[in-house]
Amino acid sequence: MTFTLPMPKPRVPAGLDPERMVADERFVRAVIRRLVADPHLVEDLTQDTWLAALRHTTSFERAWLGTVARNFVFQALRGRLRRIAREAAVARSVEIDPGDGPLDEDLRRRVQAAVQALEEPYRSAIHLRFFEDLPPTVIAEKLGERPETVRTRIKRGLAQIHALLRS
């Protein structure tokens, strides 16, 4: 035996005028857009405003809708500020010891020597990518090659550097 629960009937405001609701919809969106730049947040806050209107009153005025919309905007902004403050409070500061890791002078010399030991075209691709900080597309233009070719050269050059550093 299965039981079905009766679904509650949605409460529709008395005297609902679709044309007025369309005009009020534009008004609510305009109020929210004045305070919020993110279009997704505008959509969410507009829906929240209409849900509140349909849940809490059987008739509503434009001024009331504007107040509800502004309140939802301010709630969203306060929540965002609280989240930023919470994240800042728990964020750890990380200090890097210059004697450890890639900043080690001996390692830097070994890497530079490994790059110099590479054959062309790998040496120039690695040099332009990591020492001049150019993206592969710019390197490709500079060398007159396709970006895929430059990416392959960088990948193979890095593999050769790793092999040289391990030996």
C-alpha atoms as a PDB file:
ATOM      1  CA  MET A   1       0.000   0.000   0.000  1.00  0.00           C
ATOM      2  CA  THR A   2       1.403   3.414  -0.924  1.00  0.00           C
ATOM      3  CA  PHE A   3       0.509   6.674   0.617  1.00  0.00           C
ATOM      4  CA  THR A   4       0.631   9.963  -1.189  1.00  0.00           C
ATOM      5  CA  LEU A   5       0.832  13.191   0.656  1.00  0.00           C
ATOM      6  CA  PRO A   6      -1.326  15.988  -0.618  1.00  0.00           C
ATOM      7  CA  MET A   7       0.742  18.776  -2.124  1.00  0.00           C
ATOM      8  CA  PRO A   8       0.041  22.175  -0.646  1.00  0.00           C
ATOM      9  CA  LYS A   9      -1.569  24.527  -3.102  1.00  0.00           C
ATOM     10  CA  PRO A  10       0.572  27.514  -3.934  1.00  0.00           C
ATOM     11  CA  ARG A  11      -0.727  30.729  -2.471  1.00  0.00           C
ATOM     12  CA  VAL A  12      -1.379  33.218  -5.251  1.00  0.00           C
ATOM     13  CA  PRO A  13      -1.832  36.858  -4.321  1.00  0.00           C
ATOM     14  CA  ALA A  14      -5.380  38.077  -4.718  1.00  0.00           C
ATOM     15  CA  GLY A  15      -5.912  40.336  -7.670  1.00  0.00           C
ATOM     16  CA  LEU A  16      -2.749  39.179  -9.412  1.00  0.00           C
ATOM     17  CA  ASP A  17      -2.265  41.310 -12.515  1.00  0.00           C
ATOM     18  CA  PRO A  18       0.305  39.792 -14.928  1.00  0.00           C
ATOM     19  CA  GLU A  19       1.045  43.133 -16.618  1.00  0.00           C
ATOM     20  CA  ARG A  20       1.718  44.790 -13.274  1.00  0.00           C
ATOM     21  CA  MET A  21       3.939  41.862 -12.252  1.00  0.00           C
ATOM     22  CA  VAL A  22       6.005  42.271 -15.446  1.00  0.00           C
ATOM     23  CA  ALA A  23       6.456  45.975 -14.707  1.00  0.00           C
ATOM     24  CA  ASP A  24       7.291  45.192 -11.089  1.00  0.00           C
ATOM     25  CA  GLU A  25       9.781  42.552 -12.259  1.00  0.00           C
ATOM     26  CA  ARG A  26      11.644  45.202 -14.286  1.00  0.00           C
ATOM     27  CA  PHE A  27      11.554  47.508 -11.270  1.00  0.00           C
ATOM     28  CA  VAL A  28      12.963  44.846  -8.918  1.00  0.00           C
ATOM     29  CA  ARG A  29      15.771  44.004 -11.370  1.00  0.00           C
ATOM     30  CA  ALA A  30      16.621  47.702 -11.771  1.00  0.00           C
ATOM     31  CA  VAL A  31      16.824  48.177  -7.995  1.00  0.00           C
ATOM     32  CA  ILE A  32      19.145  45.188  -7.643  1.00  0.00           C
ATOM     33  CA  ARG A  33      21.281  46.086 -10.693  1.00  0.00           C
ATOM     34  CA  ARG A  34      21.994  49.500  -9.168  1.00  0.00           C
ATOM     35  CA  LEU A  35      23.688  47.740  -6.264  1.00  0.00           C
ATOM     36  CA  VAL A  36      25.089  44.530  -7.814  1.00  0.00           C
ATOM     37  CA  ALA A  37      27.222  44.059 -10.931  1.00  0.00           C
ATOM     38  CA  ASP A  38      27.179  40.248 -11.144  1.00  0.00           C
ATOM     39  CA  PRO A  39      24.296  39.212 -13.473  1.00  0.00           C
ATOM     40  CA  HIS A  40      23.996  35.795 -11.800  1.00  0.00           C
ATOM     41  CA  LEU A  41      23.632  37.396  -8.392  1.00  0.00           C
ATOM     42  CA  VAL A  42      21.053  39.820  -9.827  1.00  0.00           C
ATOM     43  CA  GLU A  43      19.040  36.827 -11.034  1.00  0.00           C
ATOM     44  CA  ASP A  44      19.317  35.029  -7.685  1.00  0.00           C
ATOM     45  CA  LEU A  45      18.325  38.104  -5.681  1.00  0.00           C
ATOM     46  CA  THR A  46      15.387  38.819  -7.995  1.00  0.00           C
ATOM     47  CA  GLN A  47      14.089  35.307  -7.459  1.00  0.00           C
ATOM     48  CA  ASP A  48      14.592  35.629  -3.693  1.00  0.00           C
ATOM     49  CA  THR A  49      12.581  38.865  -3.730  1.00  0.00           C
ATOM     50  CA  TRP A  50       9.682  37.272  -5.605  1.00  0.00           C
ATOM     51  CA  LEU A  51       9.698  34.217  -3.354  1.00  0.00           C
ATOM     52  CA  ALA A  52       9.512  36.472  -0.307  1.00  0.00           C
ATOM     53  CA  ALA A  53       6.688  38.442  -1.889  1.00  0.00           C
ATOM     54  CA  LEU A  54       4.660  35.331  -2.634  1.00  0.00           C
ATOM     55  CA  ARG A  55       5.326  33.747   0.757  1.00  0.00           C
ATOM     56  CA  HIS A  56       4.764  36.670   3.067  1.00  0.00           C
ATOM     57  CA  THR A  57       1.973  38.735   1.636  1.00  0.00           C
ATOM     58  CA  THR A  58      -1.116  38.464  -0.448  1.00  0.00           C
ATOM     59  CA  SER A  59      -0.698  41.931  -1.917  1.00  0.00           C
ATOM     60  CA  PHE A  60       2.416  43.985  -2.335  1.00  0.00           C
ATOM     61  CA  GLU A  61       3.325  47.463  -3.386  1.00  0.00           C
ATOM     62  CA  ARG A  62       6.268  48.509  -5.488  1.00  0.00           C
ATOM     63  CA  ALA A  63       7.941  50.314  -2.564  1.00  0.00           C
ATOM     64  CA  TRP A  64       7.698  47.157  -0.460  1.00  0.00           C
ATOM     65  CA  LEU A  65       9.266  45.112  -3.289  1.00  0.00           C
ATOM     66  CA  GLY A  66      12.112  47.636  -3.555  1.00  0.00           C
ATOM     67  CA  THR A  67      12.773  47.413   0.177  1.00  0.00           C
ATOM     68  CA  VAL A  68      12.767  43.612   0.117  1.00  0.00           C
ATOM     69  CA  ALA A  69      15.103  43.597  -2.904  1.00  0.00           C
ATOM     70  CA  ARG A  70      17.546  46.008  -1.224  1.00  0.00           C
ATOM     71  CA  ASN A  71      17.471  43.938   1.961  1.00  0.00           C
ATOM     72  CA  PHE A  72      18.382  40.796   0.015  1.00  0.00           C
ATOM     73  CA  VAL A  73      21.252  42.685  -1.668  1.00  0.00           C
ATOM     74  CA  PHE A  74      22.580  43.882   1.685  1.00  0.00           C
ATOM     75  CA  GLN A  75      22.261  40.380   3.168  1.00  0.00           C
ATOM     76  CA  ALA A  76      24.233  38.946   0.248  1.00  0.00           C
ATOM     77  CA  LEU A  77      26.950  41.599   0.570  1.00  0.00           C
ATOM     78  CA  ARG A  78      27.206  41.120   4.342  1.00  0.00           C
ATOM     79  CA  GLY A  79      27.506  37.371   3.812  1.00  0.00           C
ATOM     80  CA  ARG A  80      30.256  37.894   1.266  1.00  0.00           C
ATOM     81  CA  LEU A  81      32.157  40.202   3.628  1.00  0.00           C
ATOM     82  CA  ARG A  82      31.799  37.683   6.469  1.00  0.00           C
ATOM     83  CA  ARG A  83      33.114  34.908   4.208  1.00  0.00           C
ATOM     84  CA  ILE A  84      36.119  37.031   3.158  1.00  0.00           C
ATOM     85  CA  ALA A  85      36.878  37.883   6.802  1.00  0.00           C
ATOM     86  CA  ARG A  86      36.543  34.207   7.802  1.00  0.00           C
ATOM     87  CA  GLU A  87      38.882  33.104   5.011  1.00  0.00           C
ATOM     88  CA  ALA A  88      41.417  35.791   5.929  1.00  0.00           C
ATOM     89  CA  ALA A  89      41.289  34.741   9.590  1.00  0.00           C
ATOM     90  CA  VAL A  90      42.096  31.101   8.843  1.00  0.00           C
ATOM     91  CA  ALA A  91      44.590  31.711   6.044  1.00  0.00           C
ATOM     92  CA  ARG A  92      48.115  30.741   6.964  1.00  0.00           C
ATOM     93  CA  SER A  93      51.044  32.870   5.982  1.00  0.00           C
ATOM     94  CA  VAL A  94      53.779  30.815   4.402  1.00  0.00           C
ATOM     95  CA  GLU A  95      57.370  31.911   4.675  1.00  0.00           C
ATOM     96  CA  ILE A  96      59.887  30.606   2.181  1.00  0.00           C
ATOM     97  CA  ASP A  97      63.370  29.878   3.437  1.00  0.00           C
ATOM     98  CA  PRO A  98      65.796  31.078   0.737  1.00  0.00           C
ATOM     99  CA  GLY A  99      68.083  28.128   1.494  1.00  0.00           C
ATOM    100  CA  ASP A 100      65.392  25.594   0.554  1.00  0.00           C
ATOM    101  CA  GLY A 101      63.791  24.689  -2.720  1.00  0.00           C
ATOM    102  CA  PRO A 102      64.245  26.309  -6.104  1.00  0.00           C
ATOM    103  CA  LEU A 103      65.857  29.471  -4.670  1.00  0.00           C
ATOM    104  CA  ASP A 104      68.989  27.484  -3.702  1.00  0.00           C
ATOM    105  CA  GLU A 105      71.988  28.975  -5.556  1.00  0.00           C
ATOM    106  CA  ASP A 106      73.597  25.585  -6.250  1.00  0.00           C
ATOM    107  CA  LEU A 107      70.392  24.280  -7.795  1.00  0.00           C
ATOM    108  CA  ARG A 108      70.038  27.442  -9.873  1.00  0.00           C
ATOM    109  CA  ARG A 109      73.552  26.964 -11.303  1.00  0.00           C
ATOM    110  CA  ARG A 110      72.847  23.305 -12.073  1.00  0.00           C
ATOM    111  CA  VAL A 111      69.588  24.193 -13.863  1.00  0.00           C
ATOM    112  CA  GLN A 112      71.298  26.901 -15.917  1.00  0.00           C
ATOM    113  CA  ALA A 113      74.066  24.472 -16.856  1.00  0.00           C
ATOM    114  CA  ALA A 114      71.468  21.862 -17.862  1.00  0.00           C
ATOM    115  CA  VAL A 115      69.678  24.416 -20.037  1.00  0.00           C
ATOM    116  CA  GLN A 116      72.967  25.392 -21.704  1.00  0.00           C
ATOM    117  CA  ALA A 117      73.661  21.693 -22.362  1.00  0.00           C
ATOM    118  CA  LEU A 118      70.416  21.323 -24.339  1.00  0.00           C
ATOM    119  CA  GLU A 119      70.580  21.186 -28.104  1.00  0.00           C
ATOM    120  CA  GLU A 120      68.689  23.635 -30.247  1.00  0.00           C
ATOM    121  CA  PRO A 121      65.725  24.115 -30.678  1.00  0.00           C
ATOM    122  CA  TYR A 122      65.025  22.953 -27.096  1.00  0.00           C
ATOM    123  CA  ARG A 123      67.471  25.419 -25.500  1.00  0.00           C
ATOM    124  CA  SER A 124      65.887  28.504 -27.081  1.00  0.00           C
ATOM    125  CA  ALA A 125      62.349  27.310 -26.324  1.00  0.00           C
ATOM    126  CA  ILE A 126      63.201  26.674 -22.643  1.00  0.00           C
ATOM    127  CA  HIS A 127      65.120  29.952 -22.360  1.00  0.00           C
ATOM    128  CA  LEU A 128      62.302  32.035 -23.844  1.00  0.00           C
ATOM    129  CA  ARG A 129      59.629  30.267 -21.776  1.00  0.00           C
ATOM    130  CA  PHE A 130      61.253  30.193 -18.344  1.00  0.00           C
ATOM    131  CA  PHE A 131      63.970  32.847 -18.359  1.00  0.00           C
ATOM    132  CA  GLU A 132      62.131  35.505 -20.378  1.00  0.00           C
ATOM    133  CA  ASP A 133      58.677  34.382 -19.132  1.00  0.00           C
ATOM    134  CA  LEU A 134      57.064  34.343 -22.578  1.00  0.00           C
ATOM    135  CA  PRO A 135      53.957  32.235 -23.255  1.00  0.00           C
ATOM    136  CA  PRO A 136      54.198  29.539 -25.960  1.00  0.00           C
ATOM    137  CA  THR A 137      52.078  31.533 -28.422  1.00  0.00           C
ATOM    138  CA  VAL A 138      54.472  34.504 -28.291  1.00  0.00           C
ATOM    139  CA  ILE A 139      57.484  32.193 -28.567  1.00  0.00           C
ATOM    140  CA  ALA A 140      55.885  30.579 -31.630  1.00  0.00           C
ATOM    141  CA  GLU A 141      55.438  33.975 -33.286  1.00  0.00           C
ATOM    142  CA  LYS A 142      59.001  34.967 -32.412  1.00  0.00           C
ATOM    143  CA  LEU A 143      60.483  31.732 -33.804  1.00  0.00           C
ATOM    144  CA  GLY A 144      58.095  31.422 -36.748  1.00  0.00           C
ATOM    145  CA  GLU A 145      56.786  28.075 -35.502  1.00  0.00           C
ATOM    146  CA  ARG A 146      53.389  26.682 -34.580  1.00  0.00           C
ATOM    147  CA  PRO A 147      52.400  26.940 -30.876  1.00  0.00           C
ATOM    148  CA  GLU A 148      52.010  23.140 -30.690  1.00  0.00           C
ATOM    149  CA  THR A 149      55.596  22.732 -31.900  1.00  0.00           C
ATOM    150  CA  VAL A 150      56.848  25.149 -29.237  1.00  0.00           C
ATOM    151  CA  ARG A 151      54.889  23.341 -26.505  1.00  0.00           C
ATOM    152  CA  THR A 152      56.377  20.022 -27.605  1.00  0.00           C
ATOM    153  CA  ARG A 153      59.893  21.481 -27.564  1.00  0.00           C
ATOM    154  CA  ILE A 154      59.352  22.879 -24.071  1.00  0.00           C
ATOM    155  CA  LYS A 155      58.012  19.542 -22.848  1.00  0.00           C
ATOM    156  CA  ARG A 156      60.900  17.574 -24.344  1.00  0.00           C
ATOM    157  CA  GLY A 157      63.443  20.140 -23.135  1.00  0.00           C
ATOM    158  CA  LEU A 158      62.115  19.874 -19.574  1.00  0.00           C
ATOM    159  CA  ALA A 159      62.351  16.076 -19.765  1.00  0.00           C
ATOM    160  CA  GLN A 160      65.993  16.371 -20.840  1.00  0.00           C
ATOM    161  CA  ILE A 161      66.735  18.849 -18.005  1.00  0.00           C
ATOM    162  CA  HIS A 162      65.155  16.487 -15.467  1.00  0.00           C
ATOM    163  CA  ALA A 163      67.266  13.626 -16.791  1.00  0.00           C
ATOM    164  CA  LEU A 164      70.448  15.749 -16.594  1.00  0.00           C
ATOM    165  CA  LEU A 165      69.670  16.892 -13.050  1.00  0.00           C
ATOM    166  CA  ARG A 166      68.967  13.332 -11.853  1.00  0.00           C
ATOM    167  CA  SER A 167      72.308  12.035 -13.157  1.00  0.00           C
END
